[in-house]
Protein backbone atom coordinates (compact mmCIF):
# COMPACT_ATOMS: atom_id res chain seq x y z
CA MET A 1 130.83 103.32 16.71
CA LEU A 2 134.07 105.26 16.63
CA THR A 3 136.94 103.89 18.70
CA ILE A 4 140.36 105.39 19.32
CA HIS A 5 143.05 102.79 19.98
CA ARG A 6 145.92 104.40 21.83
CA PRO A 7 149.25 102.61 22.39
CA LEU A 8 150.73 103.66 25.70
CA ALA A 9 154.35 102.81 24.89
CA ASP A 10 154.53 104.97 21.76
CA ASP A 11 151.98 107.63 20.81
CA SER A 12 153.28 108.23 17.32
CA GLY A 13 150.46 106.20 15.83
CA SER A 14 147.04 105.99 17.43
CA VAL A 15 144.18 104.96 15.17
CA LEU A 16 140.53 105.89 14.87
CA VAL A 17 138.38 102.92 13.86
CA ASP A 18 134.94 103.36 12.31
CA GLY A 19 133.28 99.97 11.86
CA ASP A 20 135.72 97.75 9.98
CA ARG A 21 137.87 100.58 8.60
CA LEU A 22 140.61 102.88 9.80
CA ALA A 23 139.15 106.37 9.72
CA ALA A 24 142.38 108.11 10.77
CA VAL A 25 145.96 107.43 11.84
CA ALA A 26 147.48 110.23 13.91
CA PRO A 27 148.94 111.08 17.30
CA TYR A 28 146.47 110.51 20.12
CA GLU A 29 146.07 114.20 20.99
CA GLU A 30 144.92 115.01 17.45
CA LEU A 31 142.39 112.17 17.38
CA ARG A 32 141.08 113.02 20.86
CA ALA A 33 140.68 116.72 19.96
CA ALA A 34 138.80 115.91 16.75
CA HIS A 35 136.71 112.90 17.89
CA GLY A 36 136.97 112.65 21.66
CA GLU A 37 133.33 113.50 22.33
CA ARG A 38 132.04 110.75 20.04
CA ALA A 39 134.73 108.07 20.25
CA ARG A 40 135.29 105.34 22.79
CA LEU A 41 138.90 105.13 24.00
CA ARG A 42 140.92 101.93 24.29
CA GLU A 43 144.42 102.19 25.71
CA TRP A 44 146.91 99.37 25.27
CA PRO A 45 150.35 98.64 26.71
CA GLY A 46 152.77 98.58 23.80
CA ARG A 47 153.23 99.78 20.22
CA LEU A 48 150.41 99.75 17.68
CA VAL A 49 151.53 98.27 14.34
CA ALA A 50 150.12 96.63 11.25
CA GLY A 51 149.37 92.98 11.94
CA ARG A 52 151.83 90.20 11.27
CA HIS A 53 151.76 88.00 8.19
CA GLU A 54 152.18 84.22 8.59
CA PRO A 55 153.96 82.91 5.47
CA ASP A 56 153.97 79.29 6.76
CA ALA A 57 150.22 79.10 7.43
CA VAL A 58 149.51 76.23 5.02
CA ARG A 59 151.98 73.93 6.78
CA LEU A 60 150.95 75.09 10.25
CA LEU A 61 147.24 74.48 9.63
CA GLN A 62 147.21 71.56 7.20
CA ALA A 63 150.29 69.47 8.03
CA LEU A 64 150.20 69.89 11.82
CA TYR A 65 147.69 68.83 14.44
CA TRP A 66 147.08 71.28 17.29
CA PRO A 67 145.92 69.12 20.22
CA ASP A 68 142.91 69.98 22.33
CA PRO A 69 144.01 70.91 25.88
CA ARG A 70 142.14 67.81 27.10
CA GLU A 71 144.58 65.72 25.03
CA ALA A 72 147.68 67.25 26.64
CA ASP A 73 148.40 64.27 28.90
CA GLU A 74 148.28 61.88 25.95
CA LEU A 75 149.66 64.00 23.09
CA GLY A 76 151.47 66.91 24.76
CA GLY A 77 150.70 70.58 24.29
CA GLY A 78 152.56 71.38 21.10
CA PRO A 79 151.62 70.71 17.49
CA LEU A 80 152.18 67.23 16.06
CA ASP A 81 152.62 65.88 12.55
CA ALA A 82 149.03 65.51 11.31
CA ASP A 83 149.88 62.16 9.71
CA ALA A 84 150.59 60.74 13.19
CA VAL A 85 147.01 61.42 14.36
CA ALA A 86 143.80 59.87 13.02
CA LEU A 87 141.97 62.94 11.73
CA THR A 88 138.36 63.23 10.71
CA ASP A 89 137.21 66.43 9.02
CA THR A 90 135.70 67.54 12.33
CA ARG A 91 138.92 66.96 14.22
CA ARG A 92 140.99 68.66 11.48
CA GLY A 93 138.72 71.72 11.57
CA ALA A 94 139.01 71.93 15.36
CA SER A 95 142.80 71.65 15.08
CA ALA A 96 142.86 74.48 12.53
CA ARG A 97 140.75 76.68 14.85
CA ARG A 98 143.20 76.09 17.71
CA GLY A 99 146.14 76.87 15.41
CA LEU A 100 144.42 80.07 14.27
CA GLN A 101 143.81 81.09 17.89
CA ARG A 102 147.54 80.74 18.55
CA MET A 103 148.32 82.88 15.51
CA LEU A 104 145.88 85.58 16.61
CA GLY A 105 147.65 85.49 19.98
CA ARG A 106 150.89 86.37 18.16
CA GLY A 107 149.35 89.32 16.30
CA VAL A 108 148.81 87.61 12.95
CA THR A 109 146.20 89.31 10.75
CA ALA A 110 147.04 87.78 7.34
CA LEU A 111 147.97 84.31 6.13
CA ALA A 112 149.70 82.93 3.06
CA GLY A 113 147.53 80.34 1.29
CA PRO A 114 145.94 78.68 -0.53
CA PHE A 115 144.37 76.08 1.73
CA THR A 116 143.40 72.86 -0.02
CA LEU A 117 141.58 71.09 2.82
CA ALA A 118 137.91 72.05 3.23
CA PRO A 119 137.86 71.99 7.07
CA VAL A 120 140.90 74.28 7.17
CA ARG A 121 139.44 76.64 4.54
CA GLY A 122 136.24 76.86 6.58
CA ALA A 123 138.10 77.63 9.81
CA VAL A 124 140.18 80.31 8.10
CA ARG A 125 137.11 81.89 6.48
CA ARG A 126 135.25 82.04 9.82
CA SER A 127 138.29 83.48 11.62
CA GLY A 128 138.22 86.74 9.64
CA LEU A 129 141.95 86.49 8.85
CA LEU A 130 142.87 87.65 5.37
CA VAL A 131 144.52 85.19 3.00
CA GLY A 132 147.08 86.85 0.79
CA PRO A 133 150.08 89.13 1.00
CA ALA A 134 151.08 91.04 4.08
CA ALA A 135 149.06 94.18 4.70
CA GLY A 136 150.63 97.51 3.96
CA PRO A 137 151.11 100.28 6.49
CA LEU A 138 148.17 101.50 8.56
CA ALA A 139 146.32 104.12 6.52
CA PRO A 140 142.88 105.78 6.48
CA GLY A 141 140.39 103.73 4.49
CA ALA A 142 142.24 100.44 4.99
CA ARG A 143 140.63 97.54 6.77
CA ALA A 144 141.15 97.93 10.53
CA ASP A 145 143.61 95.06 11.05
CA PHE A 146 146.38 95.72 13.55
CA THR A 147 148.13 94.48 16.63
CA VAL A 148 149.69 95.98 19.73
CA LEU A 149 153.10 94.55 20.58
CA THR A 150 154.58 94.81 24.05
CA ASP A 151 158.20 95.63 24.85
CA ASP A 152 159.01 91.92 25.20
CA GLY A 153 157.71 91.24 21.66
CA GLY A 154 154.49 89.66 22.90
CA CYS A 155 151.07 90.51 21.57
CA ALA A 156 148.72 92.47 23.83
CA VAL A 157 145.88 92.85 21.31
CA THR A 158 144.89 91.71 17.82
CA VAL A 159 142.13 93.51 15.90
CA LEU A 160 140.57 92.19 12.67
CA ALA A 161 138.18 94.37 10.69
CA GLY A 162 137.71 96.55 13.75
CA ARG A 163 136.85 93.61 16.05
CA LEU A 164 138.97 92.76 19.04
CA VAL A 165 139.79 89.07 18.46
CA HIS A 166 142.65 88.58 20.92
CA ARG A 167 143.47 90.25 24.18
CA ARG A 168 146.23 88.98 26.43
CA ALA A 169 144.95 88.41 29.93
């Protein structure tokens, strides 16, 4: 299905997504005129940009423990040194998933690696985030990975391979 993603704060770069790829990058009016009959429209508050790259992902996911919200009273809400917490592979994988969710909530679409711990590698693989260098500019034919940043620098939306994976409430 074709989808036009239109940033409301700046219409210099709307995108047309076809499956997991960017089919076009152009001003909204051009995309709507060419594809409006067939494309679903999503409008977002903010500026549409290529996703963020997290260069410190190995440390954030392997050396830190991201507590479950149910552990907040005991451990607090922020990440802890993983060595200070007794971690099984199951608990380490769950921590990595929570850390990845926080990254998606910041507009991250690519991570620096490599990841040496199997539970972390599995969580990263299932997340759909790319491991490698930062993505280039948004261009037709590229994988549909992007984010919409609000005026305050927050992330309104993160899209990976054409799938909406984070949306700020």
